[in-house]
Amino acid sequence: MPRFFVAAPLVAGETLSLPDDVVRHIQVLRLQTGDVLDLFDGKGGEYRAHLLEIGKRTAIVQLNEFVAREAEPPYRITLAQGVAGGDKMDWLIEKSVELGVSSIVPLTAERGVVRLSSERAVRRQLHWQALVHAACEQCGRNRVPEVSPAKDLHAWLNGLPSAGTDELRLLLSPRAELGFGSLPVAAPAAPITIAIGPEAGFSPGEEAAIVDAGFTSLGLGARVLRTETAGIAVLAALAGRWGGW
């Protein structure tokens, strides 16, 4: 069933003119009048719809029943990721959405190879959020994770509230003494935040600041994983441990 994200209120029984990006996708898929599709607005659940009209630049659908279907894991994880270069960040964001991440915070750090000017940072955020929408369409999620604007690590840490007693904050580090087996067996009810450095990792000073903000250093074994691998590995491992599949 074709699935599309629509950033507009959806109401069962009404007709809707679809946005340009969805129209282009419908034309690429060669959908026809009468074809059935699913629409979601990111707030939960989805709407079964069928195409009433298709033009060169327009498509109108009839919204039918609302389906209260969810595909979210039983926990909420924020991935605070040092911005990676090239296509790595795109790939990482796409896969982390498939693995159930709730929100993504791109971080700039001392050793990061990517430098984002204010204008470029805005463009990258819009690009990354579009990747999130596409990943949700593909994997069946009806709640859309938010990608925040890229933030300086220390500014982000200063903006965090004090860690609650039940909140789990993890810093992935090859220098950590604690391993994956030290994590809770059951998923915490409180939010979870995972911080991962860029390609060259966080500096010792940055790691110390992160720990001071209530994070626990966690290692993933004897092998040092690349930044684009580490986040995906831990999200997949936590899904297996906490019932996120």
C-alpha atoms as a PDB file:
ATOM      1  CA  MET A   1       0.000   0.000   0.000  1.00  0.00           C
ATOM      2  CA  PRO A   2       1.557   3.365  -0.981  1.00  0.00           C
ATOM      3  CA  ARG A   3       2.036   5.604   2.087  1.00  0.00           C
ATOM      4  CA  PHE A   4       2.536   9.359   2.141  1.00  0.00           C
ATOM      5  CA  PHE A   5       3.200  11.944   4.825  1.00  0.00           C
ATOM      6  CA  VAL A   6       1.007  15.035   4.576  1.00  0.00           C
ATOM      7  CA  ALA A   7       1.781  18.058   6.755  1.00  0.00           C
ATOM      8  CA  ALA A   8      -1.866  19.109   6.982  1.00  0.00           C
ATOM      9  CA  PRO A   9      -4.880  18.219   9.152  1.00  0.00           C
ATOM     10  CA  LEU A  10      -6.529  14.988   8.011  1.00  0.00           C
ATOM     11  CA  VAL A  11     -10.217  14.341   8.644  1.00  0.00           C
ATOM     12  CA  ALA A  12     -12.069  11.165   7.664  1.00  0.00           C
ATOM     13  CA  GLY A  13     -14.816  11.822   5.110  1.00  0.00           C
ATOM     14  CA  GLU A  14     -13.265  14.950   3.600  1.00  0.00           C
ATOM     15  CA  THR A  15     -11.500  15.482   0.279  1.00  0.00           C
ATOM     16  CA  LEU A  16      -7.957  16.810   0.146  1.00  0.00           C
ATOM     17  CA  SER A  17      -5.720  18.306  -2.522  1.00  0.00           C
ATOM     18  CA  LEU A  18      -2.318  16.741  -1.990  1.00  0.00           C
ATOM     19  CA  PRO A  19       0.902  18.807  -1.711  1.00  0.00           C
ATOM     20  CA  ASP A  20       3.289  19.062  -4.660  1.00  0.00           C
ATOM     21  CA  ASP A  21       5.877  16.598  -3.330  1.00  0.00           C
ATOM     22  CA  VAL A  22       3.244  13.899  -2.811  1.00  0.00           C
ATOM     23  CA  VAL A  23       1.775  14.575  -6.268  1.00  0.00           C
ATOM     24  CA  ARG A  24       5.194  14.055  -7.845  1.00  0.00           C
ATOM     25  CA  HIS A  25       5.630  10.788  -5.948  1.00  0.00           C
ATOM     26  CA  ILE A  26       2.195   9.578  -7.046  1.00  0.00           C
ATOM     27  CA  GLN A  27       3.091  10.302 -10.672  1.00  0.00           C
ATOM     28  CA  VAL A  28       6.408   8.456 -10.355  1.00  0.00           C
ATOM     29  CA  LEU A  29       4.526   5.440  -9.001  1.00  0.00           C
ATOM     30  CA  ARG A  30       2.034   5.748 -11.880  1.00  0.00           C
ATOM     31  CA  LEU A  31      -0.967   5.550  -9.556  1.00  0.00           C
ATOM     32  CA  GLN A  32      -4.372   5.855 -11.182  1.00  0.00           C
ATOM     33  CA  THR A  33      -7.770   7.261 -10.260  1.00  0.00           C
ATOM     34  CA  GLY A  34      -9.431   4.881  -7.811  1.00  0.00           C
ATOM     35  CA  ASP A  35      -6.169   3.534  -6.389  1.00  0.00           C
ATOM     36  CA  VAL A  36      -6.047   3.189  -2.605  1.00  0.00           C
ATOM     37  CA  LEU A  37      -3.312   4.720  -0.459  1.00  0.00           C
ATOM     38  CA  ASP A  38      -2.553   5.548   3.169  1.00  0.00           C
ATOM     39  CA  LEU A  39      -1.911   9.068   4.449  1.00  0.00           C
ATOM     40  CA  PHE A  40      -0.544  10.134   7.838  1.00  0.00           C
ATOM     41  CA  ASP A  41       0.147  13.522   9.417  1.00  0.00           C
ATOM     42  CA  GLY A  42       2.708  12.442  12.021  1.00  0.00           C
ATOM     43  CA  LYS A  43       0.371  12.707  15.001  1.00  0.00           C
ATOM     44  CA  GLY A  44      -0.454   9.008  15.179  1.00  0.00           C
ATOM     45  CA  GLY A  45      -2.573   6.628  13.179  1.00  0.00           C
ATOM     46  CA  GLU A  46      -3.233   6.764   9.448  1.00  0.00           C
ATOM     47  CA  TYR A  47      -6.064   7.372   7.009  1.00  0.00           C
ATOM     48  CA  ARG A  48      -7.097   5.046   4.218  1.00  0.00           C
ATOM     49  CA  ALA A  49      -7.872   7.095   1.117  1.00  0.00           C
ATOM     50  CA  HIS A  50      -8.468   6.701  -2.598  1.00  0.00           C
ATOM     51  CA  LEU A  51      -7.569   8.921  -5.528  1.00  0.00           C
ATOM     52  CA  LEU A  52     -10.442  10.931  -6.989  1.00  0.00           C
ATOM     53  CA  GLU A  53      -8.526  12.959  -9.570  1.00  0.00           C
ATOM     54  CA  ILE A  54      -5.001  13.106 -10.966  1.00  0.00           C
ATOM     55  CA  GLY A  55      -3.760  15.970 -13.114  1.00  0.00           C
ATOM     56  CA  LYS A  56      -0.352  17.052 -14.344  1.00  0.00           C
ATOM     57  CA  ARG A  57       0.333  18.969 -11.142  1.00  0.00           C
ATOM     58  CA  THR A  58      -2.566  18.032  -8.882  1.00  0.00           C
ATOM     59  CA  ALA A  59      -4.061  15.046  -7.123  1.00  0.00           C
ATOM     60  CA  ILE A  60      -7.227  14.949  -5.035  1.00  0.00           C
ATOM     61  CA  VAL A  61      -8.081  12.172  -2.604  1.00  0.00           C
ATOM     62  CA  GLN A  62     -11.107  11.112  -0.621  1.00  0.00           C
ATOM     63  CA  LEU A  63     -10.175  10.403   2.998  1.00  0.00           C
ATOM     64  CA  ASN A  64     -11.960   7.296   4.233  1.00  0.00           C
ATOM     65  CA  GLU A  65     -11.617   5.598   7.598  1.00  0.00           C
ATOM     66  CA  PHE A  66      -9.044   6.413  10.289  1.00  0.00           C
ATOM     67  CA  VAL A  67      -6.889   3.453  11.351  1.00  0.00           C
ATOM     68  CA  ALA A  68      -5.351   3.745  14.819  1.00  0.00           C
ATOM     69  CA  ARG A  69      -2.247   1.756  13.902  1.00  0.00           C
ATOM     70  CA  GLU A  70       1.104   2.419  15.551  1.00  0.00           C
ATOM     71  CA  ALA A  71       4.607   1.096  15.009  1.00  0.00           C
ATOM     72  CA  GLU A  72       6.429   2.809  17.890  1.00  0.00           C
ATOM     73  CA  PRO A  73       8.748   1.040  20.340  1.00  0.00           C
ATOM     74  CA  PRO A  74       7.808   1.006  24.056  1.00  0.00           C
ATOM     75  CA  TYR A  75      10.451   3.648  24.899  1.00  0.00           C
ATOM     76  CA  ARG A  76      11.545   7.078  23.687  1.00  0.00           C
ATOM     77  CA  ILE A  77      15.131   7.642  22.540  1.00  0.00           C
ATOM     78  CA  THR A  78      16.758  10.916  21.533  1.00  0.00           C
ATOM     79  CA  LEU A  79      19.868  10.408  19.422  1.00  0.00           C
ATOM     80  CA  ALA A  80      22.346  13.264  19.884  1.00  0.00           C
ATOM     81  CA  GLN A  81      24.706  12.625  16.993  1.00  0.00           C
ATOM     82  CA  GLY A  82      27.923  14.398  16.082  1.00  0.00           C
ATOM     83  CA  VAL A  83      27.431  15.571  12.499  1.00  0.00           C
ATOM     84  CA  ALA A  84      29.141  13.147  10.124  1.00  0.00           C
ATOM     85  CA  GLY A  85      30.490  14.110   6.720  1.00  0.00           C
ATOM     86  CA  GLY A  86      29.436  13.104   3.232  1.00  0.00           C
ATOM     87  CA  ASP A  87      26.374  10.892   2.974  1.00  0.00           C
ATOM     88  CA  LYS A  88      26.966   9.294   6.378  1.00  0.00           C
ATOM     89  CA  MET A  89      24.594  11.592   8.230  1.00  0.00           C
ATOM     90  CA  ASP A  90      21.816  11.000   5.701  1.00  0.00           C
ATOM     91  CA  TRP A  91      22.213   7.238   5.998  1.00  0.00           C
ATOM     92  CA  LEU A  92      22.371   7.374   9.784  1.00  0.00           C
ATOM     93  CA  ILE A  93      19.211   9.463  10.103  1.00  0.00           C
ATOM     94  CA  GLU A  94      17.265   7.223   7.726  1.00  0.00           C
ATOM     95  CA  LYS A  95      18.240   4.027   9.547  1.00  0.00           C
ATOM     96  CA  SER A  96      17.752   5.446  13.041  1.00  0.00           C
ATOM     97  CA  VAL A  97      14.163   6.341  12.093  1.00  0.00           C
ATOM     98  CA  GLU A  98      13.601   2.789  10.872  1.00  0.00           C
ATOM     99  CA  LEU A  99      14.931   1.552  14.217  1.00  0.00           C
ATOM    100  CA  GLY A 100      12.494   3.650  16.242  1.00  0.00           C
ATOM    101  CA  VAL A 101      14.369   6.769  17.375  1.00  0.00           C
ATOM    102  CA  SER A 102      12.032   9.473  18.707  1.00  0.00           C
ATOM    103  CA  SER A 103      14.103  12.584  17.965  1.00  0.00           C
ATOM    104  CA  ILE A 104      17.499  13.509  16.552  1.00  0.00           C
ATOM    105  CA  VAL A 105      19.838  16.296  17.646  1.00  0.00           C
ATOM    106  CA  PRO A 106      22.758  16.945  15.242  1.00  0.00           C
ATOM    107  CA  LEU A 107      25.778  18.157  17.239  1.00  0.00           C
ATOM    108  CA  THR A 108      28.835  20.127  16.171  1.00  0.00           C
ATOM    109  CA  ALA A 109      31.974  19.240  18.115  1.00  0.00           C
ATOM    110  CA  GLU A 110      35.673  20.108  18.307  1.00  0.00           C
ATOM    111  CA  ARG A 111      36.817  17.230  16.142  1.00  0.00           C
ATOM    112  CA  GLY A 112      33.927  17.313  13.677  1.00  0.00           C
ATOM    113  CA  VAL A 113      34.854  17.672  10.012  1.00  0.00           C
ATOM    114  CA  VAL A 114      31.563  19.357   9.071  1.00  0.00           C
ATOM    115  CA  ARG A 115      31.112  23.085   9.674  1.00  0.00           C
ATOM    116  CA  LEU A 116      27.624  24.475   9.132  1.00  0.00           C
ATOM    117  CA  SER A 117      27.005  28.171   8.551  1.00  0.00           C
ATOM    118  CA  SER A 118      23.618  29.479   9.669  1.00  0.00           C
ATOM    119  CA  GLU A 119      22.178  29.331   6.135  1.00  0.00           C
ATOM    120  CA  ARG A 120      23.624  25.913   5.395  1.00  0.00           C
ATOM    121  CA  ALA A 121      22.458  24.626   8.775  1.00  0.00           C
ATOM    122  CA  VAL A 122      18.867  25.566   7.916  1.00  0.00           C
ATOM    123  CA  ARG A 123      19.106  23.798   4.543  1.00  0.00           C
ATOM    124  CA  ARG A 124      20.559  20.675   6.136  1.00  0.00           C
ATOM    125  CA  GLN A 125      17.849  20.549   8.787  1.00  0.00           C
ATOM    126  CA  LEU A 126      15.132  20.745   6.117  1.00  0.00           C
ATOM    127  CA  HIS A 127      16.916  18.058   4.103  1.00  0.00           C
ATOM    128  CA  TRP A 128      17.253  15.774   7.130  1.00  0.00           C
ATOM    129  CA  GLN A 129      13.613  16.266   8.117  1.00  0.00           C
ATOM    130  CA  ALA A 130      12.554  15.315   4.579  1.00  0.00           C
ATOM    131  CA  LEU A 131      14.605  12.127   4.946  1.00  0.00           C
ATOM    132  CA  VAL A 132      12.723  11.396   8.170  1.00  0.00           C
ATOM    133  CA  HIS A 133       9.373  11.768   6.377  1.00  0.00           C
ATOM    134  CA  ALA A 134      10.495   9.411   3.612  1.00  0.00           C
ATOM    135  CA  ALA A 135      11.796   6.867   6.134  1.00  0.00           C
ATOM    136  CA  CYS A 136       8.477   6.929   8.009  1.00  0.00           C
ATOM    137  CA  GLU A 137       6.602   6.382   4.740  1.00  0.00           C
ATOM    138  CA  GLN A 138       8.805   3.380   3.966  1.00  0.00           C
ATOM    139  CA  CYS A 139       8.925   1.703   7.373  1.00  0.00           C
ATOM    140  CA  GLY A 140       5.317   2.210   8.470  1.00  0.00           C
ATOM    141  CA  ARG A 141       5.735   4.711  11.306  1.00  0.00           C
ATOM    142  CA  ASN A 142       2.877   7.148  11.824  1.00  0.00           C
ATOM    143  CA  ARG A 143       4.621   9.378  14.366  1.00  0.00           C
ATOM    144  CA  VAL A 144       7.347  11.498  12.808  1.00  0.00           C
ATOM    145  CA  PRO A 145      10.607  12.064  14.726  1.00  0.00           C
ATOM    146  CA  GLU A 146      11.849  15.650  14.807  1.00  0.00           C
ATOM    147  CA  VAL A 147      15.329  16.668  13.674  1.00  0.00           C
ATOM    148  CA  SER A 148      16.373  19.727  15.659  1.00  0.00           C
ATOM    149  CA  PRO A 149      18.615  22.468  14.255  1.00  0.00           C
ATOM    150  CA  ALA A 150      22.324  21.578  14.520  1.00  0.00           C
ATOM    151  CA  LYS A 151      23.629  22.641  17.924  1.00  0.00           C
ATOM    152  CA  ASP A 152      27.024  23.236  19.456  1.00  0.00           C
ATOM    153  CA  LEU A 153      27.680  20.454  21.953  1.00  0.00           C
ATOM    154  CA  HIS A 154      28.222  22.745  24.940  1.00  0.00           C
ATOM    155  CA  ALA A 155      25.180  24.886  24.089  1.00  0.00           C
ATOM    156  CA  TRP A 156      23.093  21.720  23.890  1.00  0.00           C
ATOM    157  CA  LEU A 157      24.405  20.454  27.240  1.00  0.00           C
ATOM    158  CA  ASN A 158      23.712  23.802  28.888  1.00  0.00           C
ATOM    159  CA  GLY A 159      20.131  23.664  27.649  1.00  0.00           C
ATOM    160  CA  LEU A 160      19.415  20.212  29.077  1.00  0.00           C
ATOM    161  CA  PRO A 161      17.324  20.033  32.241  1.00  0.00           C
ATOM    162  CA  SER A 162      18.752  18.294  35.264  1.00  0.00           C
ATOM    163  CA  ALA A 163      18.681  14.547  34.755  1.00  0.00           C
ATOM    164  CA  GLY A 164      15.793  12.847  36.517  1.00  0.00           C
ATOM    165  CA  THR A 165      16.438   9.865  38.743  1.00  0.00           C
ATOM    166  CA  ASP A 166      14.806   7.499  36.216  1.00  0.00           C
ATOM    167  CA  GLU A 167      16.197   9.141  33.085  1.00  0.00           C
ATOM    168  CA  LEU A 168      18.859   7.226  31.172  1.00  0.00           C
ATOM    169  CA  ARG A 169      21.610   9.254  29.502  1.00  0.00           C
ATOM    170  CA  LEU A 170      24.311   7.346  27.668  1.00  0.00           C
ATOM    171  CA  LEU A 171      27.583   8.462  26.097  1.00  0.00           C
ATOM    172  CA  LEU A 172      29.027   5.938  23.670  1.00  0.00           C
ATOM    173  CA  SER A 173      32.784   5.918  24.139  1.00  0.00           C
ATOM    174  CA  PRO A 174      35.574   3.431  23.312  1.00  0.00           C
ATOM    175  CA  ARG A 175      37.151   4.440  26.634  1.00  0.00           C
ATOM    176  CA  ALA A 176      34.115   3.423  28.718  1.00  0.00           C
ATOM    177  CA  GLU A 177      34.468   0.736  31.361  1.00  0.00           C
ATOM    178  CA  LEU A 178      30.790  -0.237  31.481  1.00  0.00           C
ATOM    179  CA  GLY A 179      29.465  -2.520  28.749  1.00  0.00           C
ATOM    180  CA  PHE A 180      26.087  -3.123  27.193  1.00  0.00           C
ATOM    181  CA  GLY A 181      25.232  -5.768  29.788  1.00  0.00           C
ATOM    182  CA  SER A 182      25.088  -3.081  32.485  1.00  0.00           C
ATOM    183  CA  LEU A 183      21.912  -1.558  31.006  1.00  0.00           C
ATOM    184  CA  PRO A 184      18.458  -2.232  32.511  1.00  0.00           C
ATOM    185  CA  VAL A 185      16.787  -5.426  31.385  1.00  0.00           C
ATOM    186  CA  ALA A 186      13.436  -3.661  30.899  1.00  0.00           C
ATOM    187  CA  ALA A 187      12.876  -0.435  28.971  1.00  0.00           C
ATOM    188  CA  PRO A 188      12.876   2.649  31.219  1.00  0.00           C
ATOM    189  CA  ALA A 189       9.644   4.633  31.336  1.00  0.00           C
ATOM    190  CA  ALA A 190      11.615   7.885  31.390  1.00  0.00           C
ATOM    191  CA  PRO A 191      13.280   9.362  28.273  1.00  0.00           C
ATOM    192  CA  ILE A 192      16.578   7.968  27.008  1.00  0.00           C
ATOM    193  CA  THR A 193      19.302  10.102  25.412  1.00  0.00           C
ATOM    194  CA  ILE A 194      22.291   8.662  23.561  1.00  0.00           C
ATOM    195  CA  ALA A 195      25.242  10.917  22.683  1.00  0.00           C
ATOM    196  CA  ILE A 196      27.676   9.864  19.933  1.00  0.00           C
ATOM    197  CA  GLY A 197      30.652  11.826  18.656  1.00  0.00           C
ATOM    198  CA  PRO A 198      31.580  12.647  15.046  1.00  0.00           C
ATOM    199  CA  GLU A 199      34.116  10.653  13.006  1.00  0.00           C
ATOM    200  CA  ALA A 200      37.051  11.463  15.312  1.00  0.00           C
ATOM    201  CA  GLY A 201      34.929  11.200  18.447  1.00  0.00           C
ATOM    202  CA  PHE A 202      34.410  13.709  21.223  1.00  0.00           C
ATOM    203  CA  SER A 203      37.526  15.229  22.774  1.00  0.00           C
ATOM    204  CA  PRO A 204      38.408  14.219  26.378  1.00  0.00           C
ATOM    205  CA  GLY A 205      37.167  17.626  27.544  1.00  0.00           C
ATOM    206  CA  GLU A 206      33.869  17.172  25.736  1.00  0.00           C
ATOM    207  CA  GLU A 207      33.402  13.693  27.172  1.00  0.00           C
ATOM    208  CA  ALA A 208      34.021  15.085  30.671  1.00  0.00           C
ATOM    209  CA  ALA A 209      31.392  17.794  30.083  1.00  0.00           C
ATOM    210  CA  ILE A 210      28.897  15.211  28.846  1.00  0.00           C
ATOM    211  CA  VAL A 211      29.467  13.027  31.912  1.00  0.00           C
ATOM    212  CA  ASP A 212      29.031  16.104  34.143  1.00  0.00           C
ATOM    213  CA  ALA A 213      25.603  16.549  32.513  1.00  0.00           C
ATOM    214  CA  GLY A 214      24.467  13.198  33.897  1.00  0.00           C
ATOM    215  CA  PHE A 215      25.555  10.821  31.133  1.00  0.00           C
ATOM    216  CA  THR A 216      27.019   7.381  31.762  1.00  0.00           C
ATOM    217  CA  SER A 217      29.862   6.255  29.494  1.00  0.00           C
ATOM    218  CA  LEU A 218      29.029   3.023  27.695  1.00  0.00           C
ATOM    219  CA  GLY A 219      31.241   0.815  25.540  1.00  0.00           C
ATOM    220  CA  LEU A 220      30.114  -1.573  22.812  1.00  0.00           C
ATOM    221  CA  GLY A 221      32.929  -4.095  23.012  1.00  0.00           C
ATOM    222  CA  ALA A 222      36.513  -4.528  21.907  1.00  0.00           C
ATOM    223  CA  ARG A 223      35.966  -3.195  18.385  1.00  0.00           C
ATOM    224  CA  VAL A 224      35.824   0.548  17.734  1.00  0.00           C
ATOM    225  CA  LEU A 225      32.799   1.291  15.570  1.00  0.00           C
ATOM    226  CA  ARG A 226      32.524   4.136  13.099  1.00  0.00           C
ATOM    227  CA  THR A 227      30.187   6.938  14.106  1.00  0.00           C
ATOM    228  CA  GLU A 228      27.587   5.949  11.508  1.00  0.00           C
ATOM    229  CA  THR A 229      27.708   2.353  12.772  1.00  0.00           C
ATOM    230  CA  ALA A 230      27.662   2.970  16.521  1.00  0.00           C
ATOM    231  CA  GLY A 231      24.240   4.594  16.729  1.00  0.00           C
ATOM    232  CA  ILE A 232      22.593   2.029  14.490  1.00  0.00           C
ATOM    233  CA  ALA A 233      24.203  -0.823  16.433  1.00  0.00           C
ATOM    234  CA  VAL A 234      23.034   0.414  19.825  1.00  0.00           C
ATOM    235  CA  LEU A 235      19.508   1.213  18.597  1.00  0.00           C
ATOM    236  CA  ALA A 236      19.180  -2.280  17.143  1.00  0.00           C
ATOM    237  CA  ALA A 237      20.618  -3.867  20.299  1.00  0.00           C
ATOM    238  CA  LEU A 238      18.238  -1.909  22.533  1.00  0.00           C
ATOM    239  CA  ALA A 239      15.285  -2.889  20.341  1.00  0.00           C
ATOM    240  CA  GLY A 240      16.195  -6.531  20.889  1.00  0.00           C
ATOM    241  CA  ARG A 241      16.683  -6.017  24.631  1.00  0.00           C
ATOM    242  CA  TRP A 242      13.625  -3.860  25.294  1.00  0.00           C
ATOM    243  CA  GLY A 243      11.043  -5.221  22.885  1.00  0.00           C
ATOM    244  CA  GLY A 244      11.379  -2.519  20.234  1.00  0.00           C
ATOM    245  CA  TRP A 245      10.836  -4.961  17.388  1.00  0.00           C
END
